[in-house]
Amino acid sequence: MKSVKNTKNCIKMLMQHIVLPFVYNLNRFKKIKEKQVVLADMHHDNCPYHMKKLKEELYDEGYNVVEFFFDIKSVSTINSFFKMIDFMTIYACSEAVFICDNFLPVASCRKREETKVIQIWHGSGAFKKFGHDAKDDIPKNYYGDVYKNYDMVTVSSSACVPYFAQAMYKSYEQIIPTGTSWTDFLFDKSDKNNIRHDFLRKYPDAIGKTIVLWAPTFRGNAGHASVCGRRYIQQLKKDEKIADTCYIIDSTHPHVKKNSMVAQELMIMADVLITDYSSVFFDYLLLDRPIIFFAPDIKIYSAQRGFYLDYKTLPGPIIGNEADKETCYHKLRIALIRSSKIAKGIKEDPYKVKRQWFKNKYMNSCDGKATKRIIEYINS
């Protein structure tokens, strides 16, 4: 088994460092196709939510948008190689390539200067450590620079710049606080109404209740992902008092499970957010609603990965580190009942000022115009 795995890793490295650069160099002397841009991701079968606003506005601006999406976990190794080869031929003659997660083919060669690579990272703020700051993010068998060829990385505020520069080994000038593209949806009434209609059609039992979104981050890496705390959430759902007033919906990370609606859509409907270490909480700050930080494995996670901010300072009740599982559940239950009352306006919100502080620091470039600023970059 180990020898098979080692063989696969050798093939991957051969592909990454010899085959893909060879394909790119065969095509790099072709003329750049005017206004051709590529949207690429290897974790989704179709356009990721984080790219949808960008895709819409690129089409509106008259760009020839080439969509290059496939879930590497759902296709065979051979098919994924052929898809990467196809990408390299397109990459070599495009004006720009947009990605929203690690996408190794982009880093496999020395790209031509005329092509811009823009990373519109899938998370806002700067929460848990990632990239070169986290041992699980970059595969141990990967040789090279995952973040090679990036001309620009977009972030949600200037406060995030140092952390992204450090994690990606980039200069401060390459990390641009344009705002997060997808958050433009939160400033568009029409988009929010469409999402609200879609949600109530899919979840009619939620009508009249406090809608609670559980959106944990994943543990491990993209290939071996899991979540923590599910048993407590299931227990909440079975609690009669909670079930009478709250409708709880799960939105685990797409590396763990594919959902019919993504967390970014569900949060628009959510009256209360429960999360642990997910950057989704930064996005949720734009809605100014109660947040519960439920992290039953905080000690382990903190030791293994770590954070860019002090977890104890987060703008909401923090449940974690309880040795007794019943105590942990009881605290989560109480926090949810209180947050539900705050959401209904029948209880004062003790974290409102703190949420505003976090929003002003980590999300101050998200104003509904982030996508336009990103497109202006490739036009410059």
Protein backbone atom coordinates (compact mmCIF):
# COMPACT_ATOMS: atom_id res chain seq x y z
CA MET A 1 0.00 0.00 0.00
CA LYS A 2 2.82 2.35 0.94
CA SER A 3 4.66 1.62 -2.32
CA VAL A 4 1.50 2.41 -4.34
CA LYS A 5 1.14 5.71 -2.52
CA ASN A 6 4.80 6.56 -3.10
CA THR A 7 4.41 5.72 -6.79
CA LYS A 8 1.40 8.04 -7.08
CA ASN A 9 3.32 10.82 -5.37
CA CYS A 10 6.24 10.38 -7.76
CA ILE A 11 3.86 10.56 -10.73
CA LYS A 12 2.31 13.73 -9.31
CA MET A 13 5.69 15.37 -8.90
CA LEU A 14 6.69 14.30 -12.42
CA MET A 15 3.49 15.85 -13.72
CA GLN A 16 3.92 19.01 -11.70
CA HIS A 17 7.56 19.73 -12.48
CA ILE A 18 8.09 18.25 -15.95
CA VAL A 19 4.90 17.51 -17.91
CA LEU A 20 2.86 20.62 -17.04
CA PRO A 21 5.75 23.09 -17.56
CA PHE A 22 6.52 21.38 -20.88
CA VAL A 23 2.90 21.83 -22.05
CA TYR A 24 2.92 25.46 -20.93
CA ASN A 25 6.19 26.23 -22.72
CA LEU A 26 4.86 24.71 -25.94
CA ASN A 27 2.05 27.29 -25.84
CA ARG A 28 3.63 30.32 -24.18
CA PHE A 29 4.73 31.90 -27.45
CA LYS A 30 1.20 32.04 -28.78
CA LYS A 31 -0.42 35.45 -28.82
CA ILE A 32 -2.32 36.39 -25.67
CA LYS A 33 -6.04 36.24 -26.39
CA GLU A 34 -7.50 39.66 -25.77
CA LYS A 35 -9.85 39.84 -22.75
CA GLN A 36 -9.62 36.10 -22.11
CA VAL A 37 -9.64 35.27 -18.40
CA VAL A 38 -9.76 31.91 -16.65
CA LEU A 39 -11.64 31.02 -13.47
CA ALA A 40 -10.09 27.86 -12.07
CA ASP A 41 -10.61 25.60 -9.07
CA MET A 42 -9.94 21.93 -8.42
CA HIS A 43 -12.27 21.45 -5.42
CA HIS A 44 -15.63 22.05 -7.12
CA ASP A 45 -17.43 20.67 -10.18
CA ASN A 46 -18.84 24.09 -10.99
CA CYS A 47 -18.22 27.72 -10.13
CA PRO A 48 -17.45 28.10 -6.39
CA TYR A 49 -19.63 30.55 -4.55
CA HIS A 50 -16.62 32.76 -3.82
CA MET A 51 -16.21 33.31 -7.58
CA LYS A 52 -19.83 33.83 -8.63
CA LYS A 53 -19.91 37.60 -8.21
CA LEU A 54 -16.60 37.90 -10.04
CA LYS A 55 -17.87 35.68 -12.86
CA GLU A 56 -21.03 37.77 -13.26
CA GLU A 57 -19.16 41.08 -13.44
CA LEU A 58 -16.46 39.76 -15.80
CA TYR A 59 -19.19 38.71 -18.22
CA ASP A 60 -20.84 42.11 -17.82
CA GLU A 61 -17.50 43.78 -18.63
CA GLY A 62 -17.28 41.84 -21.89
CA TYR A 63 -14.54 39.39 -20.94
CA ASN A 64 -14.22 35.97 -22.54
CA VAL A 65 -14.52 33.90 -19.36
CA VAL A 66 -13.13 30.36 -19.51
CA GLU A 67 -14.47 28.27 -16.62
CA PHE A 68 -12.13 25.53 -15.51
CA PHE A 69 -13.63 23.64 -12.56
CA PHE A 70 -13.31 20.04 -11.45
CA ASP A 71 -13.31 18.22 -8.11
CA ILE A 72 -10.03 16.34 -8.02
CA LYS A 73 -11.46 13.91 -5.44
CA SER A 74 -14.27 12.81 -7.77
CA VAL A 75 -12.27 12.19 -10.96
CA SER A 76 -9.65 9.55 -11.72
CA THR A 77 -5.97 10.40 -11.57
CA ILE A 78 -5.67 10.06 -15.34
CA ASN A 79 -8.62 12.37 -15.99
CA SER A 80 -7.30 14.95 -13.54
CA PHE A 81 -3.94 14.94 -15.39
CA PHE A 82 -5.66 15.53 -18.73
CA LYS A 83 -7.67 18.37 -17.21
CA MET A 84 -4.49 19.96 -15.90
CA ILE A 85 -2.87 19.68 -19.31
CA ASP A 86 -5.91 21.38 -20.86
CA PHE A 87 -5.59 24.12 -18.26
CA MET A 88 -1.92 24.74 -19.10
CA THR A 89 -2.71 25.34 -22.78
CA ILE A 90 -5.36 27.93 -21.80
CA TYR A 91 -3.21 29.43 -19.04
CA ALA A 92 -0.38 30.12 -21.49
CA CYS A 93 -2.41 32.51 -23.63
CA SER A 94 -4.84 34.21 -21.21
CA GLU A 95 -4.73 37.73 -19.85
CA ALA A 96 -5.54 36.63 -16.32
CA VAL A 97 -6.24 33.60 -14.16
CA PHE A 98 -8.41 33.81 -11.04
CA ILE A 99 -8.30 31.17 -8.31
CA CYS A 100 -9.84 31.06 -4.82
CA ASP A 101 -7.87 28.22 -3.21
CA ASN A 102 -4.61 26.38 -3.73
CA PHE A 103 -4.37 25.42 -7.40
CA LEU A 104 -1.07 23.66 -8.08
CA PRO A 105 -0.99 23.84 -11.91
CA VAL A 106 -0.69 27.65 -11.67
CA ALA A 107 2.55 27.19 -9.73
CA SER A 108 4.03 24.46 -11.92
CA CYS A 109 5.91 26.72 -14.34
CA ARG A 110 7.48 30.12 -14.80
CA LYS A 111 4.59 32.08 -16.27
CA ARG A 112 4.83 34.83 -18.84
CA GLU A 113 4.68 38.37 -17.47
CA GLU A 114 1.69 39.34 -19.63
CA THR A 115 -0.57 36.95 -17.70
CA LYS A 116 -1.76 38.00 -14.27
CA VAL A 117 -2.61 35.44 -11.59
CA ILE A 118 -5.05 36.74 -8.98
CA GLN A 119 -5.82 34.78 -5.83
CA ILE A 120 -9.23 35.88 -4.44
CA TRP A 121 -8.80 33.73 -1.34
CA HIS A 122 -11.92 31.90 -0.11
CA GLY A 123 -11.84 33.28 3.43
CA SER A 124 -12.10 36.77 4.89
CA GLY A 125 -10.14 38.11 7.85
CA ALA A 126 -7.13 36.37 9.36
CA PHE A 127 -8.14 33.72 11.89
CA LYS A 128 -6.48 30.30 11.99
CA LYS A 129 -2.96 29.88 10.63
CA PHE A 130 -2.61 28.59 7.07
CA GLY A 131 -0.13 28.14 4.25
CA HIS A 132 3.49 28.10 5.36
CA ASP A 133 2.36 28.91 8.91
CA ALA A 134 0.42 25.62 9.22
CA LYS A 135 2.00 22.20 8.86
CA ASP A 136 -1.12 20.51 7.40
CA ASP A 137 -1.86 22.94 4.57
CA ILE A 138 0.94 22.10 2.15
CA PRO A 139 1.38 18.39 1.31
CA LYS A 140 4.58 16.91 2.72
CA ASN A 141 5.38 15.34 -0.63
CA TYR A 142 5.05 18.65 -2.50
CA TYR A 143 8.29 20.21 -3.67
CA GLY A 144 8.06 23.78 -4.84
CA ASP A 145 6.17 26.96 -3.99
CA VAL A 146 2.39 26.46 -3.82
CA TYR A 147 1.90 30.23 -4.10
CA LYS A 148 4.29 30.78 -6.99
CA ASN A 149 3.22 33.16 -9.77
CA TYR A 150 0.66 35.12 -7.73
CA ASP A 151 0.60 38.74 -8.85
CA MET A 152 -2.11 39.72 -6.40
CA VAL A 153 -3.90 38.26 -3.38
CA THR A 154 -7.12 39.98 -2.31
CA VAL A 155 -7.97 40.38 1.39
CA SER A 156 -10.80 41.91 3.39
CA SER A 157 -8.81 44.67 5.14
CA SER A 158 -5.35 46.12 5.54
CA ALA A 159 -5.10 44.39 8.94
CA CYS A 160 -4.90 41.04 7.12
CA VAL A 161 -1.98 41.99 4.86
CA PRO A 162 0.90 40.97 7.19
CA TYR A 163 -0.60 37.55 7.91
CA PHE A 164 -1.21 36.66 4.26
CA ALA A 165 2.23 37.93 3.27
CA GLN A 166 3.78 35.73 5.94
CA ALA A 167 1.69 32.63 5.16
CA MET A 168 2.25 32.84 1.39
CA TYR A 169 5.81 34.23 1.36
CA LYS A 170 4.63 37.28 -0.57
CA SER A 171 5.52 40.96 -0.35
CA TYR A 172 3.08 43.35 1.30
CA GLU A 173 2.59 45.03 -2.08
CA GLN A 174 1.13 41.81 -3.52
CA ILE A 175 -1.54 41.52 -0.80
CA ILE A 176 -4.23 44.03 -1.72
CA PRO A 177 -7.14 45.00 0.62
CA THR A 178 -9.75 45.23 -2.13
CA GLY A 179 -12.35 43.51 0.01
CA THR A 180 -13.69 39.98 -0.47
CA SER A 181 -15.51 39.56 -3.78
CA TRP A 182 -18.30 37.26 -2.63
CA THR A 183 -19.36 39.65 0.19
CA ASP A 184 -20.72 42.00 -2.49
CA PHE A 185 -23.80 39.73 -2.38
CA LEU A 186 -24.47 40.95 1.16
CA PHE A 187 -24.99 44.48 -0.14
CA ASP A 188 -27.34 43.48 -2.96
CA LYS A 189 -31.02 43.32 -1.96
CA SER A 190 -31.99 41.39 -5.08
CA ASP A 191 -29.38 38.68 -4.42
CA LYS A 192 -30.44 38.38 -0.79
CA ASN A 193 -34.12 38.11 -1.74
CA ASN A 194 -33.33 35.31 -4.22
CA ILE A 195 -31.36 33.43 -1.57
CA ARG A 196 -34.15 33.94 0.99
CA HIS A 197 -36.74 32.57 -1.45
CA ASP A 198 -34.54 29.56 -2.25
CA PHE A 199 -33.92 28.85 1.44
CA LEU A 200 -37.58 28.91 2.48
CA ARG A 201 -38.46 26.65 -0.44
CA LYS A 202 -35.86 24.10 0.69
CA TYR A 203 -36.44 24.47 4.44
CA PRO A 204 -40.14 25.36 5.01
CA ASP A 205 -40.00 24.05 8.62
CA ALA A 206 -37.72 27.01 9.46
CA ILE A 207 -40.50 29.57 9.00
CA GLY A 208 -41.30 31.36 12.26
CA LYS A 209 -38.27 30.00 14.12
CA THR A 210 -34.84 31.35 15.00
CA ILE A 211 -32.62 30.04 12.21
CA VAL A 212 -29.30 28.76 13.54
CA LEU A 213 -26.37 27.96 11.26
CA TRP A 214 -23.65 25.58 12.43
CA ALA A 215 -20.62 26.17 10.20
CA PRO A 216 -17.46 24.52 11.56
CA THR A 217 -14.11 24.52 9.83
CA PHE A 218 -12.49 21.26 8.77
CA ARG A 219 -9.63 19.48 10.53
CA GLY A 220 -6.65 17.96 8.76
CA ASN A 221 -6.18 18.79 5.08
CA ALA A 222 -8.38 18.82 2.01
CA GLY A 223 -7.70 15.15 1.28
CA HIS A 224 -8.48 13.92 4.80
CA ALA A 225 -10.99 16.34 6.30
CA SER A 226 -13.27 16.03 9.31
CA VAL A 227 -15.20 18.24 11.75
CA CYS A 228 -15.57 18.30 15.53
CA GLY A 229 -18.70 18.82 17.65
CA ARG A 230 -21.35 17.14 15.52
CA ARG A 231 -22.72 15.04 18.39
CA TYR A 232 -23.48 18.18 20.41
CA ILE A 233 -25.33 19.78 17.49
CA GLN A 234 -27.36 16.61 16.98
CA GLN A 235 -28.23 16.66 20.68
CA LEU A 236 -29.45 20.26 20.35
CA LYS A 237 -31.70 19.25 17.48
CA LYS A 238 -33.30 16.57 19.65
CA ASP A 239 -33.86 18.96 22.57
CA GLU A 240 -37.62 19.73 22.61
CA LYS A 241 -37.27 23.24 24.04
CA ILE A 242 -34.66 24.14 21.43
CA ALA A 243 -36.59 22.48 18.59
CA ASP A 244 -39.74 24.46 19.44
CA THR A 245 -38.02 27.81 18.89
CA CYS A 246 -34.92 27.15 16.77
CA TYR A 247 -34.27 25.59 13.39
CA ILE A 248 -30.67 24.33 13.24
CA ILE A 249 -29.01 23.65 9.92
CA ASP A 250 -25.54 22.22 9.30
CA SER A 251 -23.11 23.63 6.79
CA THR A 252 -19.94 21.65 7.15
CA HIS A 253 -16.95 22.57 5.00
CA PRO A 254 -17.16 21.47 1.32
CA HIS A 255 -13.99 19.40 1.85
CA VAL A 256 -16.09 17.31 4.26
CA LYS A 257 -19.53 17.33 2.62
CA LYS A 258 -21.20 18.95 -0.37
CA ASN A 259 -24.26 21.00 0.61
CA SER A 260 -27.20 22.11 -1.52
CA MET A 261 -26.65 25.65 -0.19
CA VAL A 262 -23.22 26.90 0.88
CA ALA A 263 -22.49 28.60 4.20
CA GLN A 264 -22.31 32.01 2.54
CA GLU A 265 -25.91 31.62 1.30
CA LEU A 266 -27.18 30.10 4.52
CA MET A 267 -25.68 32.84 6.68
CA ILE A 268 -27.88 35.41 4.97
CA MET A 269 -30.88 33.62 6.50
CA ALA A 270 -29.25 32.72 9.82
CA ASP A 271 -30.28 34.66 12.93
CA VAL A 272 -27.46 33.04 14.93
CA LEU A 273 -24.13 31.56 13.80
CA ILE A 274 -22.35 28.74 15.62
CA THR A 275 -18.78 28.19 14.46
CA ASP A 276 -15.36 27.27 15.80
CA TYR A 277 -12.37 28.42 13.75
CA SER A 278 -14.01 29.17 10.40
CA SER A 279 -13.39 32.50 8.70
CA VAL A 280 -17.14 32.54 7.96
CA PHE A 281 -17.51 34.47 11.21
CA PHE A 282 -15.75 37.47 9.64
CA ASP A 283 -18.25 37.51 6.78
CA TYR A 284 -21.13 37.19 9.27
CA LEU A 285 -19.93 40.36 11.02
CA LEU A 286 -21.32 42.31 8.06
CA LEU A 287 -24.81 41.17 9.12
CA ASP A 288 -24.31 42.17 12.79
CA ARG A 289 -26.02 39.13 14.34
CA PRO A 290 -25.11 36.95 17.36
CA ILE A 291 -22.21 34.51 17.05
CA ILE A 292 -21.40 31.54 19.31
CA PHE A 293 -17.86 30.14 19.23
CA PHE A 294 -18.16 26.44 19.98
CA ALA A 295 -14.76 24.75 20.05
CA PRO A 296 -14.71 21.52 22.09
CA ASP A 297 -11.20 20.71 20.82
CA ILE A 298 -9.72 24.19 21.29
CA LYS A 299 -6.64 23.04 23.23
CA ILE A 300 -5.67 20.44 20.63
CA TYR A 301 -6.46 22.65 17.65
CA SER A 302 -4.60 25.61 19.09
CA ALA A 303 -1.51 23.49 19.75
CA GLN A 304 -1.56 21.85 16.32
CA ARG A 305 -2.43 24.82 14.11
CA GLY A 306 -2.69 28.05 16.10
CA PHE A 307 -4.28 31.43 15.39
CA TYR A 308 -3.40 34.91 14.21
CA LEU A 309 -5.59 36.42 16.94
CA ASP A 310 -6.33 35.68 20.59
CA TYR A 311 -9.25 33.25 20.67
CA LYS A 312 -10.30 34.54 24.07
CA THR A 313 -11.05 37.97 22.60
CA LEU A 314 -13.65 36.84 20.02
CA PRO A 315 -16.98 38.73 19.83
CA GLY A 316 -19.31 36.10 21.26
CA PRO A 317 -19.64 33.46 24.00
CA ILE A 318 -16.86 30.88 23.80
CA ILE A 319 -17.58 27.25 24.71
CA GLY A 320 -14.60 24.94 24.91
CA ASN A 321 -12.03 23.25 27.14
CA GLU A 322 -14.73 21.65 29.32
CA ALA A 323 -13.51 18.23 30.42
CA ASP A 324 -17.06 17.11 31.14
CA LYS A 325 -19.17 16.59 27.99
CA GLU A 326 -22.44 17.33 29.79
CA THR A 327 -21.06 20.66 30.99
CA CYS A 328 -19.94 21.47 27.46
CA TYR A 329 -23.40 20.71 26.07
CA HIS A 330 -25.15 22.63 28.85
CA LYS A 331 -23.08 25.76 28.16
CA LEU A 332 -23.76 25.49 24.42
CA ARG A 333 -27.49 25.10 25.07
CA ILE A 334 -27.63 28.13 27.37
CA ALA A 335 -25.64 30.23 24.90
CA LEU A 336 -28.03 29.30 22.10
CA ILE A 337 -31.15 30.15 24.15
CA ARG A 338 -29.67 33.55 25.04
CA SER A 339 -28.55 34.26 21.48
CA SER A 340 -32.00 33.34 20.18
CA LYS A 341 -33.56 35.88 22.55
CA ILE A 342 -31.03 38.51 21.40
CA ALA A 343 -31.89 37.76 17.76
CA LYS A 344 -35.58 38.27 18.57
CA GLY A 345 -34.84 41.58 20.27
CA ILE A 346 -36.07 40.51 23.71
CA LYS A 347 -32.62 40.44 25.32
CA GLU A 348 -29.77 42.96 25.25
CA ASP A 349 -26.77 42.05 23.10
CA PRO A 350 -23.56 42.22 25.20
CA TYR A 351 -21.28 41.60 22.17
CA LYS A 352 -22.61 44.21 19.76
CA VAL A 353 -19.82 46.74 20.37
CA LYS A 354 -17.15 44.04 20.15
CA ARG A 355 -18.54 42.74 16.85
CA GLN A 356 -18.40 46.27 15.46
CA TRP A 357 -14.75 46.56 16.50
CA PHE A 358 -13.85 43.30 14.74
CA LYS A 359 -15.80 44.36 11.66
CA ASN A 360 -14.02 47.73 11.49
CA LYS A 361 -10.62 46.08 11.81
CA TYR A 362 -10.92 42.96 9.66
CA MET A 363 -13.72 43.72 7.17
CA ASN A 364 -13.41 47.45 6.45
CA SER A 365 -12.72 46.97 2.72
CA CYS A 366 -15.93 44.97 2.21
CA ASP A 367 -18.46 47.56 1.05
CA GLY A 368 -20.22 45.94 -1.89
CA LYS A 369 -17.65 47.17 -4.44
CA ALA A 370 -14.82 44.70 -3.93
CA THR A 371 -15.34 42.87 -7.24
CA LYS A 372 -15.16 46.09 -9.25
CA ARG A 373 -11.84 46.95 -7.58
CA ILE A 374 -10.46 43.49 -8.42
CA ILE A 375 -11.44 43.83 -12.10
CA GLU A 376 -9.90 47.32 -12.19
CA TYR A 377 -6.59 45.66 -11.29
CA ILE A 378 -6.50 43.54 -14.44
CA ASN A 379 -7.57 46.54 -16.48
CA SER A 380 -4.65 48.61 -15.17
